[in-house]
Amino acid sequence: MTPVTRTGGNRGYDEIVIRPADLIAPVQFAEKTTLDHPLEHLTACHRRIEERLATLERVIPHFIDKRDEAISAMESSLRFFDTNGSWHTADEEESLFPRIADRLTGDERGFIDKLEAEHQEAENIFTKLRAVAAKLKEDTPCSQERIDQYAALCRTLCTIYRGHIQAEDARIPEIGHRVLSEAELELISQEMKLRRGLQP
């Protein structure tokens, strides 16, 4: 999405025109191709997650002046986490982590345990964020108290996710390629496709 600024001002969060259509129909990725390479797909999915996190942050200043657009963009991003985000977590916790668990060093096992704990921590925050988002949708206009609640939860979620993504990007591809065979990677790929309702 290309930000549009008001004439004569410096661009800032309060000057971004949110176009919900751009967020509801984001850039299409080569889903089937990346799913054939599961470790690379996980990294690519991180970029999509980062985009939605940025949207959840970007709407905050607009709940007052562009309420409908902000609510629409927020809901679109939350739907992504309820679908693609859930699949991504299952890809790791059900398909990847169990296959590598017995072949890791002690440090690596501790690393995976931390990732799984962060998944749960993020889901707990998401549960609260969804509840506040639902109330924001009901508010006409949005109350400042509710906006502040949303902003606080959003900041916490973004902090968790961004650190989590950075850690995974730095270590998961190397570990996976080191310990998994091509046959195992193919099985993971098939499971990921089935999880999304695609033919393996």
C-alpha atoms as a PDB file:
ATOM      1  CA  MET A   1       0.000   0.000   0.000  1.00  0.00           C
ATOM      2  CA  THR A   2       1.361   3.394  -0.963  1.00  0.00           C
ATOM      3  CA  PRO A   3       0.828   6.009   1.760  1.00  0.00           C
ATOM      4  CA  VAL A   4      -0.879   9.211   0.636  1.00  0.00           C
ATOM      5  CA  THR A   5      -0.126  12.432   2.456  1.00  0.00           C
ATOM      6  CA  ARG A   6      -2.154  15.568   2.896  1.00  0.00           C
ATOM      7  CA  THR A   7      -0.931  18.571   0.962  1.00  0.00           C
ATOM      8  CA  GLY A   8       1.628  20.678   2.745  1.00  0.00           C
ATOM      9  CA  GLY A   9       2.448  18.359   5.646  1.00  0.00           C
ATOM     10  CA  ASN A  10       5.130  15.933   6.720  1.00  0.00           C
ATOM     11  CA  ARG A  11       4.072  12.335   6.458  1.00  0.00           C
ATOM     12  CA  GLY A  12       3.282  10.598   9.746  1.00  0.00           C
ATOM     13  CA  TYR A  13       0.928   7.963  11.096  1.00  0.00           C
ATOM     14  CA  ASP A  14      -1.875  10.505  11.296  1.00  0.00           C
ATOM     15  CA  GLU A  15      -1.395  11.412   7.630  1.00  0.00           C
ATOM     16  CA  ILE A  16      -1.640   7.939   6.134  1.00  0.00           C
ATOM     17  CA  VAL A  17      -4.815   7.287   4.195  1.00  0.00           C
ATOM     18  CA  ILE A  18      -5.833   3.708   4.908  1.00  0.00           C
ATOM     19  CA  ARG A  19      -7.278   1.876   1.947  1.00  0.00           C
ATOM     20  CA  PRO A  20      -8.939  -1.264   3.296  1.00  0.00           C
ATOM     21  CA  ALA A  21      -9.173  -2.761  -0.201  1.00  0.00           C
ATOM     22  CA  ASP A  22      -5.368  -2.827  -0.349  1.00  0.00           C
ATOM     23  CA  LEU A  23      -5.258  -4.736   2.931  1.00  0.00           C
ATOM     24  CA  ILE A  24      -8.097  -7.145   2.226  1.00  0.00           C
ATOM     25  CA  ALA A  25      -6.508  -8.190  -1.079  1.00  0.00           C
ATOM     26  CA  PRO A  26      -2.735  -8.052  -0.411  1.00  0.00           C
ATOM     27  CA  VAL A  27      -0.047  -9.069  -2.854  1.00  0.00           C
ATOM     28  CA  GLN A  28      -0.529 -12.672  -3.935  1.00  0.00           C
ATOM     29  CA  PHE A  29       2.365 -14.988  -3.175  1.00  0.00           C
ATOM     30  CA  ALA A  30       3.321 -18.169  -5.018  1.00  0.00           C
ATOM     31  CA  GLU A  31       1.727 -20.266  -2.295  1.00  0.00           C
ATOM     32  CA  LYS A  32       2.021 -23.681  -3.951  1.00  0.00           C
ATOM     33  CA  THR A  33       5.640 -23.113  -4.927  1.00  0.00           C
ATOM     34  CA  THR A  34       6.771 -22.024  -1.474  1.00  0.00           C
ATOM     35  CA  LEU A  35       4.895 -24.875   0.189  1.00  0.00           C
ATOM     36  CA  ASP A  36       7.075 -27.246  -1.841  1.00  0.00           C
ATOM     37  CA  HIS A  37       9.969 -25.842   0.214  1.00  0.00           C
ATOM     38  CA  PRO A  38       8.626 -25.856   3.784  1.00  0.00           C
ATOM     39  CA  LEU A  39      11.497 -24.161   5.586  1.00  0.00           C
ATOM     40  CA  GLU A  40      11.552 -21.344   3.057  1.00  0.00           C
ATOM     41  CA  HIS A  41       7.767 -21.090   3.287  1.00  0.00           C
ATOM     42  CA  LEU A  42       7.972 -20.538   7.045  1.00  0.00           C
ATOM     43  CA  THR A  43      10.355 -17.634   6.483  1.00  0.00           C
ATOM     44  CA  ALA A  44       8.150 -16.179   3.731  1.00  0.00           C
ATOM     45  CA  CYS A  45       5.153 -16.396   6.050  1.00  0.00           C
ATOM     46  CA  HIS A  46       7.046 -14.300   8.586  1.00  0.00           C
ATOM     47  CA  ARG A  47       7.101 -11.439   6.100  1.00  0.00           C
ATOM     48  CA  ARG A  48       3.317 -11.667   5.737  1.00  0.00           C
ATOM     49  CA  ILE A  49       2.924 -11.703   9.502  1.00  0.00           C
ATOM     50  CA  GLU A  50       5.103  -8.599   9.779  1.00  0.00           C
ATOM     51  CA  GLU A  51       2.894  -6.831   7.229  1.00  0.00           C
ATOM     52  CA  ARG A  52      -0.245  -7.559   9.261  1.00  0.00           C
ATOM     53  CA  LEU A  53       1.415  -6.501  12.499  1.00  0.00           C
ATOM     54  CA  ALA A  54       2.316  -3.199  10.854  1.00  0.00           C
ATOM     55  CA  THR A  55      -1.316  -2.769   9.783  1.00  0.00           C
ATOM     56  CA  LEU A  56      -2.587  -3.462  13.305  1.00  0.00           C
ATOM     57  CA  GLU A  57      -0.277  -0.688  14.512  1.00  0.00           C
ATOM     58  CA  ARG A  58      -0.992   1.676  11.642  1.00  0.00           C
ATOM     59  CA  VAL A  59      -4.732   1.839  12.279  1.00  0.00           C
ATOM     60  CA  ILE A  60      -4.374   3.110  15.851  1.00  0.00           C
ATOM     61  CA  PRO A  61      -4.384   6.853  15.069  1.00  0.00           C
ATOM     62  CA  HIS A  62      -7.342   6.413  12.708  1.00  0.00           C
ATOM     63  CA  PHE A  63     -10.015   4.930  14.962  1.00  0.00           C
ATOM     64  CA  ILE A  64     -11.316   8.460  15.511  1.00  0.00           C
ATOM     65  CA  ASP A  65     -10.973  10.240  12.168  1.00  0.00           C
ATOM     66  CA  LYS A  66     -11.297   7.267   9.775  1.00  0.00           C
ATOM     67  CA  ARG A  67     -13.185   4.801  11.940  1.00  0.00           C
ATOM     68  CA  ASP A  68     -14.724   2.564   9.269  1.00  0.00           C
ATOM     69  CA  GLU A  69     -11.493   2.227   7.287  1.00  0.00           C
ATOM     70  CA  ALA A  70      -9.487   1.510  10.434  1.00  0.00           C
ATOM     71  CA  ILE A  71     -11.955  -1.135  11.648  1.00  0.00           C
ATOM     72  CA  SER A  72     -11.989  -2.809   8.230  1.00  0.00           C
ATOM     73  CA  ALA A  73      -8.179  -2.915   8.030  1.00  0.00           C
ATOM     74  CA  MET A  74      -7.941  -4.204  11.610  1.00  0.00           C
ATOM     75  CA  GLU A  75     -10.453  -6.981  10.964  1.00  0.00           C
ATOM     76  CA  SER A  76      -8.703  -8.017   7.759  1.00  0.00           C
ATOM     77  CA  SER A  77      -5.403  -8.420   9.584  1.00  0.00           C
ATOM     78  CA  LEU A  78      -6.985 -10.322  12.461  1.00  0.00           C
ATOM     79  CA  ARG A  79      -8.619 -12.716   9.983  1.00  0.00           C
ATOM     80  CA  PHE A  80      -5.173 -13.397   8.540  1.00  0.00           C
ATOM     81  CA  PHE A  81      -3.897 -14.432  11.961  1.00  0.00           C
ATOM     82  CA  ASP A  82      -6.956 -16.626  12.528  1.00  0.00           C
ATOM     83  CA  THR A  83      -6.259 -18.533   9.304  1.00  0.00           C
ATOM     84  CA  ASN A  84      -2.716 -18.248   7.934  1.00  0.00           C
ATOM     85  CA  GLY A  85      -1.283 -17.442  11.334  1.00  0.00           C
ATOM     86  CA  SER A  86      -2.864 -20.531  12.875  1.00  0.00           C
ATOM     87  CA  TRP A  87      -1.626 -22.691  10.016  1.00  0.00           C
ATOM     88  CA  HIS A  88       1.875 -21.295  10.470  1.00  0.00           C
ATOM     89  CA  THR A  89       1.928 -22.202  14.156  1.00  0.00           C
ATOM     90  CA  ALA A  90       0.632 -25.702  13.379  1.00  0.00           C
ATOM     91  CA  ASP A  91       3.284 -26.082  10.658  1.00  0.00           C
ATOM     92  CA  GLU A  92       5.917 -25.555  13.303  1.00  0.00           C
ATOM     93  CA  GLU A  93       4.412 -27.277  16.334  1.00  0.00           C
ATOM     94  CA  GLU A  94       2.834 -30.272  14.569  1.00  0.00           C
ATOM     95  CA  SER A  95       5.016 -30.852  11.505  1.00  0.00           C
ATOM     96  CA  LEU A  96       8.475 -29.393  12.117  1.00  0.00           C
ATOM     97  CA  PHE A  97       9.318 -29.374  15.814  1.00  0.00           C
ATOM     98  CA  PRO A  98       8.376 -33.016  16.553  1.00  0.00           C
ATOM     99  CA  ARG A  99      10.576 -34.236  13.689  1.00  0.00           C
ATOM    100  CA  ILE A 100      13.674 -32.385  14.835  1.00  0.00           C
ATOM    101  CA  ALA A 101      13.232 -32.712  18.609  1.00  0.00           C
ATOM    102  CA  ASP A 102      15.350 -35.848  19.098  1.00  0.00           C
ATOM    103  CA  ARG A 103      18.264 -34.573  17.008  1.00  0.00           C
ATOM    104  CA  LEU A 104      18.947 -31.249  18.683  1.00  0.00           C
ATOM    105  CA  THR A 105      21.651 -30.129  21.056  1.00  0.00           C
ATOM    106  CA  GLY A 106      20.622 -29.125  24.560  1.00  0.00           C
ATOM    107  CA  ASP A 107      20.819 -25.471  23.600  1.00  0.00           C
ATOM    108  CA  GLU A 108      18.662 -26.055  20.542  1.00  0.00           C
ATOM    109  CA  ARG A 109      16.030 -27.934  22.553  1.00  0.00           C
ATOM    110  CA  GLY A 110      15.868 -25.002  24.933  1.00  0.00           C
ATOM    111  CA  PHE A 111      15.465 -22.704  21.941  1.00  0.00           C
ATOM    112  CA  ILE A 112      12.499 -24.710  20.600  1.00  0.00           C
ATOM    113  CA  ASP A 113      10.903 -24.789  24.050  1.00  0.00           C
ATOM    114  CA  LYS A 114      11.166 -20.992  24.169  1.00  0.00           C
ATOM    115  CA  LEU A 115       9.551 -20.669  20.732  1.00  0.00           C
ATOM    116  CA  GLU A 116       6.606 -22.823  21.800  1.00  0.00           C
ATOM    117  CA  ALA A 117       6.188 -20.785  24.977  1.00  0.00           C
ATOM    118  CA  GLU A 118       6.152 -17.614  22.878  1.00  0.00           C
ATOM    119  CA  HIS A 119       3.461 -19.111  20.640  1.00  0.00           C
ATOM    120  CA  GLN A 120       1.262 -19.564  23.690  1.00  0.00           C
ATOM    121  CA  GLU A 121       2.096 -16.114  25.021  1.00  0.00           C
ATOM    122  CA  ALA A 122       1.175 -14.533  21.678  1.00  0.00           C
ATOM    123  CA  GLU A 123      -2.095 -16.484  21.530  1.00  0.00           C
ATOM    124  CA  ASN A 124      -3.024 -15.270  25.012  1.00  0.00           C
ATOM    125  CA  ILE A 125      -2.490 -11.674  23.902  1.00  0.00           C
ATOM    126  CA  PHE A 126      -4.435 -12.322  20.712  1.00  0.00           C
ATOM    127  CA  THR A 127      -7.412 -13.555  22.700  1.00  0.00           C
ATOM    128  CA  LYS A 128      -7.485 -10.262  24.587  1.00  0.00           C
ATOM    129  CA  LEU A 129      -6.869  -8.232  21.424  1.00  0.00           C
ATOM    130  CA  ARG A 130      -9.749  -9.904  19.586  1.00  0.00           C
ATOM    131  CA  ALA A 131     -12.085  -9.099  22.463  1.00  0.00           C
ATOM    132  CA  VAL A 132     -11.074  -5.427  22.473  1.00  0.00           C
ATOM    133  CA  ALA A 133     -11.313  -5.315  18.668  1.00  0.00           C
ATOM    134  CA  ALA A 134     -14.881  -6.606  18.836  1.00  0.00           C
ATOM    135  CA  LYS A 135     -15.793  -3.873  21.302  1.00  0.00           C
ATOM    136  CA  LEU A 136     -14.112  -1.234  19.131  1.00  0.00           C
ATOM    137  CA  LYS A 137     -16.288  -2.371  16.243  1.00  0.00           C
ATOM    138  CA  GLU A 138     -19.382  -1.860  18.412  1.00  0.00           C
ATOM    139  CA  ASP A 139     -18.292   1.598  19.600  1.00  0.00           C
ATOM    140  CA  THR A 140     -19.688   4.533  17.602  1.00  0.00           C
ATOM    141  CA  PRO A 141     -17.551   6.514  17.896  1.00  0.00           C
ATOM    142  CA  CYS A 142     -14.596   4.520  19.216  1.00  0.00           C
ATOM    143  CA  SER A 143     -13.867   5.427  22.817  1.00  0.00           C
ATOM    144  CA  GLN A 144     -10.370   6.637  23.694  1.00  0.00           C
ATOM    145  CA  GLU A 145     -10.217   4.173  26.586  1.00  0.00           C
ATOM    146  CA  ARG A 146     -10.851   1.275  24.202  1.00  0.00           C
ATOM    147  CA  ILE A 147      -8.328   2.615  21.714  1.00  0.00           C
ATOM    148  CA  ASP A 148      -5.732   2.804  24.484  1.00  0.00           C
ATOM    149  CA  GLN A 149      -6.462  -0.811  25.462  1.00  0.00           C
ATOM    150  CA  TYR A 150      -6.075  -1.912  21.866  1.00  0.00           C
ATOM    151  CA  ALA A 151      -2.819   0.048  21.466  1.00  0.00           C
ATOM    152  CA  ALA A 152      -1.276  -1.471  24.601  1.00  0.00           C
ATOM    153  CA  LEU A 153      -2.154  -5.030  23.557  1.00  0.00           C
ATOM    154  CA  CYS A 154      -0.974  -4.381  20.005  1.00  0.00           C
ATOM    155  CA  ARG A 155       2.403  -3.096  21.216  1.00  0.00           C
ATOM    156  CA  THR A 156       2.852  -6.169  23.408  1.00  0.00           C
ATOM    157  CA  LEU A 157       1.909  -8.517  20.584  1.00  0.00           C
ATOM    158  CA  CYS A 158       4.256  -6.821  18.126  1.00  0.00           C
ATOM    159  CA  THR A 159       7.141  -6.980  20.589  1.00  0.00           C
ATOM    160  CA  ILE A 160       6.622 -10.712  21.132  1.00  0.00           C
ATOM    161  CA  TYR A 161       6.202 -11.521  17.469  1.00  0.00           C
ATOM    162  CA  ARG A 162       9.080  -9.446  16.112  1.00  0.00           C
ATOM    163  CA  GLY A 163      11.597 -10.925  18.521  1.00  0.00           C
ATOM    164  CA  HIS A 164      10.184 -14.397  17.872  1.00  0.00           C
ATOM    165  CA  ILE A 165      10.414 -13.999  14.099  1.00  0.00           C
ATOM    166  CA  GLN A 166      13.972 -12.675  14.266  1.00  0.00           C
ATOM    167  CA  ALA A 167      15.047 -15.653  16.360  1.00  0.00           C
ATOM    168  CA  GLU A 168      13.358 -18.182  14.087  1.00  0.00           C
ATOM    169  CA  ASP A 169      14.746 -16.644  10.904  1.00  0.00           C
ATOM    170  CA  ALA A 170      18.240 -16.789  12.374  1.00  0.00           C
ATOM    171  CA  ARG A 171      18.167 -20.443  13.421  1.00  0.00           C
ATOM    172  CA  ILE A 172      15.280 -22.561  12.121  1.00  0.00           C
ATOM    173  CA  PRO A 173      16.328 -22.827   8.447  1.00  0.00           C
ATOM    174  CA  GLU A 174      19.874 -23.891   9.415  1.00  0.00           C
ATOM    175  CA  ILE A 175      18.665 -26.440  11.959  1.00  0.00           C
ATOM    176  CA  GLY A 176      16.026 -27.829   9.643  1.00  0.00           C
ATOM    177  CA  HIS A 177      18.332 -28.268   6.672  1.00  0.00           C
ATOM    178  CA  ARG A 178      20.965 -29.834   8.912  1.00  0.00           C
ATOM    179  CA  VAL A 179      18.862 -32.504  10.586  1.00  0.00           C
ATOM    180  CA  LEU A 180      16.017 -33.263   8.148  1.00  0.00           C
ATOM    181  CA  SER A 181      16.250 -35.484   5.100  1.00  0.00           C
ATOM    182  CA  GLU A 182      14.694 -34.610   1.755  1.00  0.00           C
ATOM    183  CA  ALA A 183      12.042 -37.250   2.386  1.00  0.00           C
ATOM    184  CA  GLU A 184      11.143 -35.678   5.715  1.00  0.00           C
ATOM    185  CA  LEU A 185      10.956 -32.223   4.170  1.00  0.00           C
ATOM    186  CA  GLU A 186       8.611 -33.625   1.529  1.00  0.00           C
ATOM    187  CA  LEU A 187       6.357 -35.083   4.247  1.00  0.00           C
ATOM    188  CA  ILE A 188       6.287 -31.725   6.014  1.00  0.00           C
ATOM    189  CA  SER A 189       5.400 -30.056   2.720  1.00  0.00           C
ATOM    190  CA  GLN A 190       2.511 -32.491   2.190  1.00  0.00           C
ATOM    191  CA  GLU A 191       1.162 -31.868   5.690  1.00  0.00           C
ATOM    192  CA  MET A 192       1.332 -28.110   5.190  1.00  0.00           C
ATOM    193  CA  LYS A 193      -0.626 -28.373   1.940  1.00  0.00           C
ATOM    194  CA  LEU A 194      -3.280 -30.605   3.499  1.00  0.00           C
ATOM    195  CA  ARG A 195      -3.604 -28.156   6.392  1.00  0.00           C
ATOM    196  CA  ARG A 196      -4.579 -25.511   3.826  1.00  0.00           C
ATOM    197  CA  GLY A 197      -6.945 -27.750   1.899  1.00  0.00           C
ATOM    198  CA  LEU A 198      -4.522 -28.153  -1.018  1.00  0.00           C
ATOM    199  CA  GLN A 199      -3.543 -31.295  -2.868  1.00  0.00           C
ATOM    200  CA  PRO A 200      -0.083 -32.544  -1.819  1.00  0.00           C
END
